[in-house]
Protein backbone atom coordinates (compact mmCIF):
# COMPACT_ATOMS: atom_id res chain seq x y z
CA MET A 1 50.56 -82.76 150.89
CA ILE A 2 52.67 -85.88 151.28
CA VAL A 3 55.20 -85.78 154.09
CA PHE A 4 58.06 -88.13 153.41
CA LEU A 5 59.51 -90.21 156.22
CA PRO A 6 62.35 -92.68 155.62
CA VAL A 7 61.19 -96.27 155.31
CA LEU A 8 63.08 -98.96 157.20
CA LEU A 9 63.53 -101.99 154.99
CA SER A 10 63.94 -105.61 155.95
CA ASN A 11 67.75 -105.44 155.77
CA GLY A 12 67.86 -102.60 158.30
CA LYS A 13 68.75 -99.92 155.75
CA GLN A 14 66.72 -96.83 155.01
CA THR A 15 65.46 -96.03 151.56
CA SER A 16 64.64 -92.53 150.52
CA GLY A 17 62.89 -90.41 147.94
CA THR A 18 61.78 -92.29 144.82
CA ALA A 19 62.47 -95.74 146.26
CA ALA A 20 60.11 -95.06 149.15
CA LEU A 21 57.54 -93.22 147.03
CA ILE A 22 57.27 -95.83 144.28
CA GLY A 23 56.93 -98.88 146.48
CA ASP A 24 56.01 -101.77 144.21
CA VAL A 25 54.61 -99.68 141.35
CA SER A 26 56.70 -100.01 138.20
CA TRP A 27 57.15 -97.27 135.58
CA GLY A 28 59.31 -99.27 133.23
CA CYS A 29 61.88 -99.64 136.01
CA GLN A 30 64.32 -102.46 136.39
CA GLY A 31 65.38 -103.70 139.79
CA MET A 32 62.49 -102.97 142.14
CA TYR A 33 61.99 -105.58 144.91
CA GLN A 34 62.80 -109.24 144.73
CA GLU A 35 61.78 -111.76 147.38
CA GLY A 36 61.23 -109.01 149.93
CA LYS A 37 64.71 -107.56 149.45
CA PRO A 38 65.26 -104.07 148.02
CA THR A 39 67.37 -103.58 144.93
CA LEU A 40 68.29 -100.39 143.14
CA LEU A 41 65.66 -98.90 140.90
CA THR A 42 67.01 -98.41 137.39
CA LEU A 43 64.91 -95.83 135.60
CA PRO A 44 64.90 -95.23 131.83
CA LEU A 45 65.75 -91.55 131.29
CA ALA A 46 65.72 -89.97 127.83
CA VAL A 47 67.77 -86.79 127.35
CA ILE A 48 66.22 -84.48 124.73
CA ASN A 49 68.18 -81.55 123.31
CA ALA A 50 65.70 -78.87 122.22
CA SER A 51 68.15 -76.01 122.75
CA THR A 52 69.85 -73.80 120.18
CA LEU A 53 72.55 -72.87 122.70
CA VAL A 54 74.23 -76.25 123.23
CA SER A 55 75.29 -78.70 120.55
CA GLN A 56 74.46 -82.37 120.39
CA ASP A 57 78.12 -83.18 120.98
CA GLU A 58 78.04 -81.10 124.18
CA VAL A 59 74.93 -82.96 125.32
CA LEU A 60 76.55 -86.32 124.61
CA ALA A 61 79.65 -85.38 126.60
CA ALA A 62 77.58 -84.15 129.53
CA THR A 63 75.35 -87.25 129.47
CA ALA A 64 78.36 -89.57 129.61
CA ALA A 65 79.61 -87.80 132.74
CA LEU A 66 76.15 -87.74 134.32
CA GLN A 67 75.73 -91.47 133.78
CA VAL A 68 78.85 -91.93 135.90
CA GLN A 69 77.56 -89.53 138.55
CA VAL A 70 74.16 -91.19 138.81
CA HIS A 71 75.46 -94.75 138.91
CA ARG A 72 78.66 -94.27 140.94
CA ASP A 73 77.86 -91.40 143.31
CA PHE A 74 74.11 -90.89 143.57
CA ALA A 75 72.58 -94.37 143.39
CA PRO A 76 74.32 -95.87 146.43
CA ALA A 77 73.03 -93.06 148.64
CA TRP A 78 69.53 -92.68 147.24
CA GLN A 79 68.80 -96.25 146.05
CA VAL A 80 67.82 -94.97 142.61
CA ASP A 81 69.82 -95.54 139.42
CA ALA A 82 69.08 -94.58 135.82
CA ASP A 83 69.94 -95.56 132.26
CA LEU A 84 70.60 -92.26 130.45
CA ALA A 85 70.16 -92.18 126.68
CA VAL A 86 70.15 -89.22 124.30
CA VAL A 87 67.45 -88.84 121.65
CA VAL A 88 68.94 -88.47 118.15
CA PRO A 89 68.67 -84.95 116.65
CA GLY A 90 65.20 -84.42 115.24
CA GLY A 91 64.01 -87.76 116.58
CA PRO A 92 60.87 -88.22 118.68
CA PRO A 93 61.18 -88.88 122.42
CA PRO A 94 60.58 -92.51 123.37
CA THR A 95 57.65 -93.93 125.26
CA GLY A 96 58.15 -95.89 128.46
CA ALA A 97 60.74 -93.44 129.78
CA TRP A 98 61.16 -90.34 131.88
CA TRP A 99 62.30 -87.27 129.93
CA ILE A 100 64.78 -84.51 130.69
CA VAL A 101 64.43 -81.70 128.12
CA ILE A 102 67.19 -79.15 127.52
CA MET A 103 65.72 -75.86 126.28
CA ASP A 104 66.81 -72.26 125.81
CA ASN A 105 64.14 -70.86 128.14
CA SER A 106 60.82 -71.64 129.79
CA ASP A 107 58.79 -70.09 126.95
CA LEU A 108 60.18 -72.65 124.54
CA GLY A 109 58.67 -75.48 126.58
CA ALA A 110 55.13 -74.38 125.85
CA ALA A 111 55.93 -73.68 122.20
CA LEU A 112 57.37 -77.17 121.67
CA GLY A 113 54.62 -78.94 123.62
CA TYR A 114 56.74 -80.07 126.57
CA HIS A 115 54.61 -79.40 129.63
CA ASP A 116 54.68 -80.94 133.14
CA LEU A 117 54.63 -84.67 132.35
CA THR A 118 55.52 -86.89 129.41
CA SER A 119 52.80 -87.84 126.95
CA GLN A 120 52.23 -90.94 129.07
CA GLY A 121 52.05 -89.03 132.34
CA LEU A 122 55.57 -89.97 133.46
CA PRO A 123 58.03 -87.59 135.12
CA LEU A 124 59.58 -84.84 133.02
CA GLY A 125 62.42 -82.48 133.92
CA LYS A 126 63.47 -79.25 132.23
CA VAL A 127 66.77 -77.40 131.95
CA PHE A 128 66.78 -73.76 130.83
CA VAL A 129 70.20 -73.06 129.32
CA GLU A 130 69.73 -69.36 128.62
CA SER A 131 69.03 -68.51 132.26
CA SER A 132 72.00 -70.56 133.47
CA LYS A 133 74.35 -68.79 131.05
CA LYS A 134 73.04 -65.36 132.08
CA SER A 135 73.63 -66.16 135.75
CA GLY A 136 77.12 -67.50 135.05
CA GLN A 137 76.24 -71.07 136.02
CA ALA A 138 77.55 -73.99 133.99
CA TRP A 139 74.64 -75.57 132.12
CA THR A 140 76.07 -79.03 132.88
CA THR A 141 75.75 -78.32 136.61
CA LEU A 142 72.12 -77.38 136.06
CA LEU A 143 71.48 -80.53 134.04
CA SER A 144 73.04 -82.60 136.82
CA HIS A 145 70.95 -80.70 139.38
CA GLU A 146 67.67 -81.35 137.57
CA ILE A 147 68.34 -85.03 136.89
CA LEU A 148 69.28 -85.82 140.48
CA GLU A 149 66.27 -83.98 141.91
CA MET A 150 63.91 -85.69 139.47
CA LEU A 151 65.28 -89.10 140.43
CA SER A 152 64.75 -88.49 144.15
CA ASP A 153 61.33 -86.77 143.93
CA PRO A 154 59.83 -87.30 140.45
CA PHE A 155 56.36 -85.93 141.20
CA ILE A 156 57.66 -83.00 143.28
CA CYS A 157 55.56 -83.86 146.32
CA LEU A 158 57.96 -85.08 149.00
CA THR A 159 58.81 -82.98 152.06
CA ALA A 160 60.73 -83.25 155.32
CA LEU A 161 59.70 -81.92 158.76
CA ALA A 162 62.04 -79.50 160.53
CA PRO A 163 61.03 -78.30 164.03
CA THR A 164 62.52 -74.84 164.75
CA ALA A 165 62.19 -72.05 167.31
CA PHE A 166 59.90 -70.27 164.83
CA GLY A 167 57.56 -73.21 164.31
CA THR A 168 57.49 -76.48 162.41
CA TYR A 169 58.64 -76.19 158.82
CA LEU A 170 58.20 -78.39 155.79
CA TYR A 171 61.23 -78.46 153.52
CA ALA A 172 60.81 -79.44 149.89
CA TYR A 173 62.70 -82.56 148.88
CA GLU A 174 65.10 -80.83 146.48
CA ASN A 175 68.48 -82.42 147.01
CA CYS A 176 70.65 -80.00 145.00
CA ASP A 177 69.23 -76.59 145.93
CA ALA A 178 71.15 -76.22 149.21
CA CYS A 179 74.53 -76.79 147.52
CA GLN A 180 73.71 -75.71 143.98
CA SER A 181 76.51 -73.20 143.39
CA ASP A 182 79.15 -74.21 140.84
CA GLN A 183 81.88 -73.63 143.41
CA PHE A 184 80.73 -76.75 145.27
CA GLY A 185 80.39 -78.91 142.17
CA TYR A 186 83.00 -81.37 140.97
CA LEU A 187 84.46 -82.64 137.74
CA ILE A 188 83.79 -85.98 136.09
CA GLY A 189 86.21 -86.02 133.20
CA ASP A 190 86.02 -82.43 131.97
CA GLN A 191 82.33 -81.96 132.84
CA LEU A 192 81.25 -80.00 135.91
CA VAL A 193 78.41 -81.66 137.84
CA SER A 194 76.45 -80.57 140.88
CA ASP A 195 77.07 -81.51 144.48
CA PHE A 196 73.96 -83.03 146.06
CA CYS A 197 72.49 -83.50 149.52
CA LEU A 198 72.29 -86.94 151.09
CA PRO A 199 69.19 -88.26 152.91
CA ALA A 200 70.71 -87.15 156.24
CA TRP A 201 70.28 -83.50 155.19
CA PHE A 202 66.50 -83.98 155.40
CA ASP A 203 66.58 -85.67 158.84
CA ALA A 204 66.09 -83.25 161.75
CA ASN A 205 67.14 -86.01 164.15
CA ARG A 206 70.68 -85.74 162.77
CA ALA A 207 71.12 -82.17 164.07
CA GLY A 208 74.30 -81.94 166.09
CA GLY A 209 75.46 -85.29 164.80
CA ALA A 210 78.05 -86.40 162.34
CA GLY A 211 77.44 -86.19 158.61
CA PRO A 212 77.98 -86.46 155.82
CA PHE A 213 75.02 -84.34 154.72
CA ASP A 214 76.10 -83.82 151.12
CA PHE A 215 78.23 -85.84 148.73
CA LYS A 216 81.24 -83.50 148.82
CA GLN A 217 80.89 -83.05 152.60
CA HIS A 218 80.66 -79.27 152.65
CA ILE A 219 77.45 -79.09 154.74
CA LYS A 220 77.69 -79.62 158.50
CA GLN A 221 74.03 -79.76 159.65
CA PRO A 222 70.60 -80.83 158.36
CA PHE A 223 68.78 -78.09 156.42
CA ALA A 224 71.91 -75.89 156.32
CA LEU A 225 72.50 -73.86 153.14
CA LEU A 226 75.83 -73.25 151.47
CA PRO A 227 76.63 -69.85 149.90
CA GLY A 228 74.54 -69.54 146.76
CA GLY A 229 72.14 -72.22 147.99
CA TYR A 230 68.45 -71.99 148.76
CA ALA A 231 65.50 -74.06 149.91
CA MET A 232 61.73 -74.03 149.52
CA CYS A 233 59.86 -74.33 152.80
CA ARG A 234 56.58 -73.48 154.48
CA ASN A 235 55.84 -72.72 158.12
CA LEU A 236 53.10 -75.12 159.23
CA SER A 237 52.71 -73.34 162.57
CA ALA A 238 52.03 -70.00 160.89
CA GLY A 239 50.06 -71.50 158.00
CA THR A 240 52.14 -69.77 155.34
CA GLY A 241 52.59 -70.95 151.78
CA TRP A 242 55.78 -71.98 150.03
CA THR A 243 58.59 -69.46 150.41
CA LEU A 244 62.17 -69.39 149.19
CA VAL A 245 64.91 -69.06 151.79
CA THR A 246 68.51 -68.31 150.90
CA ALA A 247 71.86 -68.74 152.60
CA PRO A 248 72.79 -66.11 155.21
CA GLY A 249 73.82 -62.82 153.62
CA ALA A 250 72.13 -63.51 150.28
CA THR A 251 69.27 -61.41 148.94
CA LEU A 252 66.40 -62.48 146.73
CA THR A 253 66.35 -61.13 143.19
CA TYR A 254 63.78 -61.13 140.39
CA ARG A 255 65.70 -63.98 138.77
CA ASP A 256 64.95 -66.14 141.82
CA ARG A 257 61.23 -66.30 141.02
CA PRO A 258 60.12 -69.72 139.77
CA ARG A 259 59.86 -69.97 135.99
CA VAL A 260 56.91 -71.66 134.35
CA GLY A 261 57.69 -75.35 134.08
CA SER A 262 60.38 -75.31 136.76
CA ARG A 263 60.22 -77.69 139.70
CA ARG A 264 59.47 -74.83 142.09
CA GLU A 265 56.58 -73.61 139.96
CA ARG A 266 55.13 -77.09 139.57
CA ARG A 267 55.36 -77.71 143.32
CA LYS A 268 53.27 -74.61 143.92
CA ILE A 269 50.54 -75.50 141.44
CA ALA A 270 50.49 -79.17 142.59
CA TYR A 271 50.39 -82.42 140.60
CA PRO A 272 46.59 -82.55 139.95
CA ASN A 273 46.97 -79.38 137.86
CA TRP A 274 49.90 -80.58 135.76
CA LEU A 275 49.53 -81.05 132.01
CA LYS A 276 50.79 -83.89 129.84
CA SER A 277 53.05 -83.02 126.94
CA ASN A 278 51.53 -83.05 123.47
CA VAL A 279 54.54 -84.01 121.36
CA THR A 280 54.79 -86.85 118.87
CA VAL A 281 56.49 -89.84 120.47
CA GLY A 282 58.44 -92.71 118.98
CA SER A 283 59.21 -96.28 119.94
CA ASP A 284 59.59 -97.70 123.42
CA PHE A 285 62.78 -96.75 125.25
CA ALA A 286 64.11 -100.32 125.00
CA SER A 287 63.89 -100.39 121.20
CA ALA A 288 64.12 -96.73 120.17
CA GLN A 289 67.10 -95.34 118.28
CA LEU A 290 68.97 -93.64 121.12
CA MET A 291 72.58 -92.75 121.85
CA ARG A 292 74.19 -93.98 125.07
CA PRO A 293 77.51 -92.16 125.47
CA ARG A 294 79.78 -93.59 128.12
CA LEU A 295 83.13 -92.56 129.58
């Protein structure tokens, strides 16, 4: 288990999540560190539409809005940026990139060969459109949710310590779960995207202090959950495993169980047990035939 603690950089600013985890190891990133000074990581992220429930035009429109969200809203807070590009219909996913795969359901991931990592062992995220539609959640909010969480904790291993009256807890570094309901999202153009937690949400030392703790400033304390939100945590004092906690008044349902291939399921089985995808890949991200929609 890796416990994440913010890293104080030479300019006095804290870096969080991926920027702290990666250090000076490059996965095709641009930016990194120059002359001892931190710069934004810019990660190559290929969007793959393997769903029968959303059209390629819908994916292009969503990707254009999400590029704005990542670059304008998310990157300044988390020190991680991304270049989003959509794979052409029927085209192979590129090498040298992280993948986010849009699918109908979790069963389709295994059938298509998309497992826990890309074919090169790089981070891979999954969006299950069918389940989002059944629950009444906008699939674009879910896509936003998955991209932002993958950028901040790509190998699903980071945690934050939270001392409580019931013992010391580890909270999973999932920065959209606590505010994941559509009612707290916001529009970029005509696309609904997810609110997201800021690094302060994971800092127990900020309890009782001023925020903001999430981008839209709905949350008032570290580790607090908005209606419809949830968090994965484990009680280190009691020695329990990962459990799902929900906002006050909410009840767990069967639908809340982690689906195969989801971030929650992969956190439980741990990175050493993850499988690489076995799909045919194409050219490198820099030279592949990709679509980069922009607003």
